[in-house]
Protein backbone atom coordinates (compact mmCIF):
# COMPACT_ATOMS: atom_id res chain seq x y z
CA MET A 1 0.00 0.00 0.00
CA ALA A 2 1.48 3.30 -1.07
CA ASN A 3 1.41 6.44 0.96
CA GLN A 4 0.28 9.82 -0.37
CA GLY A 5 3.86 10.71 -1.33
CA ALA A 6 4.10 7.77 -3.74
CA LYS A 7 0.75 8.64 -5.31
CA LYS A 8 1.80 12.26 -5.71
CA ARG A 9 5.18 11.23 -7.18
CA LYS A 10 3.41 8.96 -9.68
CA GLU A 11 1.27 11.86 -10.89
CA GLU A 12 4.24 14.27 -11.01
CA ASN A 13 6.32 11.75 -12.94
CA SER A 14 3.50 11.26 -15.41
CA ARG A 15 3.26 15.02 -16.00
CA HIS A 16 7.06 15.32 -16.25
CA MET A 17 7.37 12.54 -18.82
CA THR A 18 4.48 13.98 -20.84
CA LYS A 19 6.24 17.34 -20.86
CA LEU A 20 9.49 15.72 -22.04
CA LEU A 21 7.70 13.83 -24.80
CA ARG A 22 6.03 17.03 -26.00
CA LEU A 23 9.41 18.78 -25.97
CA ILE A 24 10.96 16.04 -28.12
CA ILE A 25 8.09 16.17 -30.59
CA ALA A 26 8.16 19.99 -30.70
CA CYS A 27 11.90 20.04 -31.41
CA ASN A 28 11.51 17.63 -34.31
CA VAL A 29 8.49 19.46 -35.74
CA ILE A 30 10.25 22.83 -35.52
CA TYR A 31 13.33 21.38 -37.23
CA VAL A 32 11.31 19.90 -40.10
CA LEU A 33 9.25 23.07 -40.56
CA VAL A 34 12.29 25.35 -40.59
CA ARG A 35 14.20 23.07 -42.97
CA MET A 36 11.25 22.67 -45.33
CA LEU A 37 10.01 26.26 -45.26
CA PHE A 38 13.25 28.24 -45.26
CA PHE A 39 15.93 25.85 -46.49
CA TYR A 40 13.88 23.62 -48.78
CA SER A 41 16.41 23.80 -51.62
CA THR A 42 19.09 22.13 -49.46
CA PHE A 43 16.79 19.63 -47.73
CA THR A 44 18.01 16.23 -48.93
CA TRP A 45 17.64 12.61 -47.88
CA LYS A 46 20.71 13.07 -45.66
CA HIS A 47 18.70 15.44 -43.51
CA TRP A 48 15.99 12.78 -43.08
CA ILE A 49 18.68 10.31 -41.96
CA GLY A 50 20.03 12.93 -39.54
CA LEU A 51 16.53 13.55 -38.23
CA LEU A 52 16.05 9.83 -37.59
CA LEU A 53 19.39 9.60 -35.80
CA THR A 54 18.72 12.60 -33.58
CA THR A 55 15.23 11.32 -32.87
CA ALA A 56 16.79 8.04 -31.72
CA ALA A 57 19.18 10.07 -29.59
CA TYR A 58 16.16 11.68 -27.92
CA VAL A 59 14.06 8.52 -27.61
CA ILE A 60 16.70 6.27 -26.01
CA PRO A 61 17.26 8.51 -22.96
CA TYR A 62 13.53 9.17 -22.80
CA GLN A 63 12.84 5.45 -22.52
CA GLN A 64 15.46 5.12 -19.79
CA LEU A 65 13.89 7.98 -17.85
CA ALA A 66 10.43 6.50 -18.39
CA SER A 67 11.57 3.17 -16.95
CA MET A 68 12.98 4.98 -13.91
CA ALA A 69 9.75 6.94 -13.43
CA LYS A 70 7.54 3.88 -13.86
CA PRO A 71 5.54 3.11 -10.72
CA SER A 72 5.62 -0.31 -9.07
CA TYR A 73 2.50 -2.25 -8.13
CA ASP A 74 2.10 -5.17 -5.75
CA ASP A 75 0.38 -8.46 -6.57
CA ASP A 76 -3.02 -7.02 -5.77
CA GLY A 77 -2.55 -4.20 -8.26
CA GLU A 78 -2.14 -1.51 -5.63
CA LEU A 79 0.53 1.15 -5.98
CA PHE A 80 3.68 0.07 -4.16
CA ASP A 81 6.16 2.74 -5.26
CA GLY A 82 5.64 5.90 -7.29
CA GLY A 83 8.91 5.54 -9.19
CA PHE A 84 12.04 7.68 -9.13
CA ASP A 85 11.47 11.29 -8.13
CA MET A 86 11.99 13.14 -11.42
CA SER A 87 11.75 16.56 -9.76
CA THR A 88 15.12 16.26 -8.01
CA GLY A 89 17.05 18.01 -10.78
CA GLY A 90 20.42 16.98 -12.10
CA VAL A 91 20.70 14.35 -14.80
CA CYS A 92 17.24 12.85 -14.27
CA GLY A 93 15.31 16.05 -13.70
CA LEU A 94 14.50 18.90 -16.00
């Protein structure tokens, strides 16, 4: 049985990971829009490859952070741990 702190941490981690995902998507959308609207004459297949590589560079750490922030449940399905506190700052925080 989790205490209120674990429930609150679960909700905060969910909001934090959603914010990170939106940031990743926004960065990629802004890049594609700027390249296609302003630099369309130099936008080649190499830029698509670079976009895929940088997207992978964003997604891999995101998945690691998501696994750290994932809450734990006991056998009954009740919240056991809210996951790592993503609001601490440093490498894991924003």
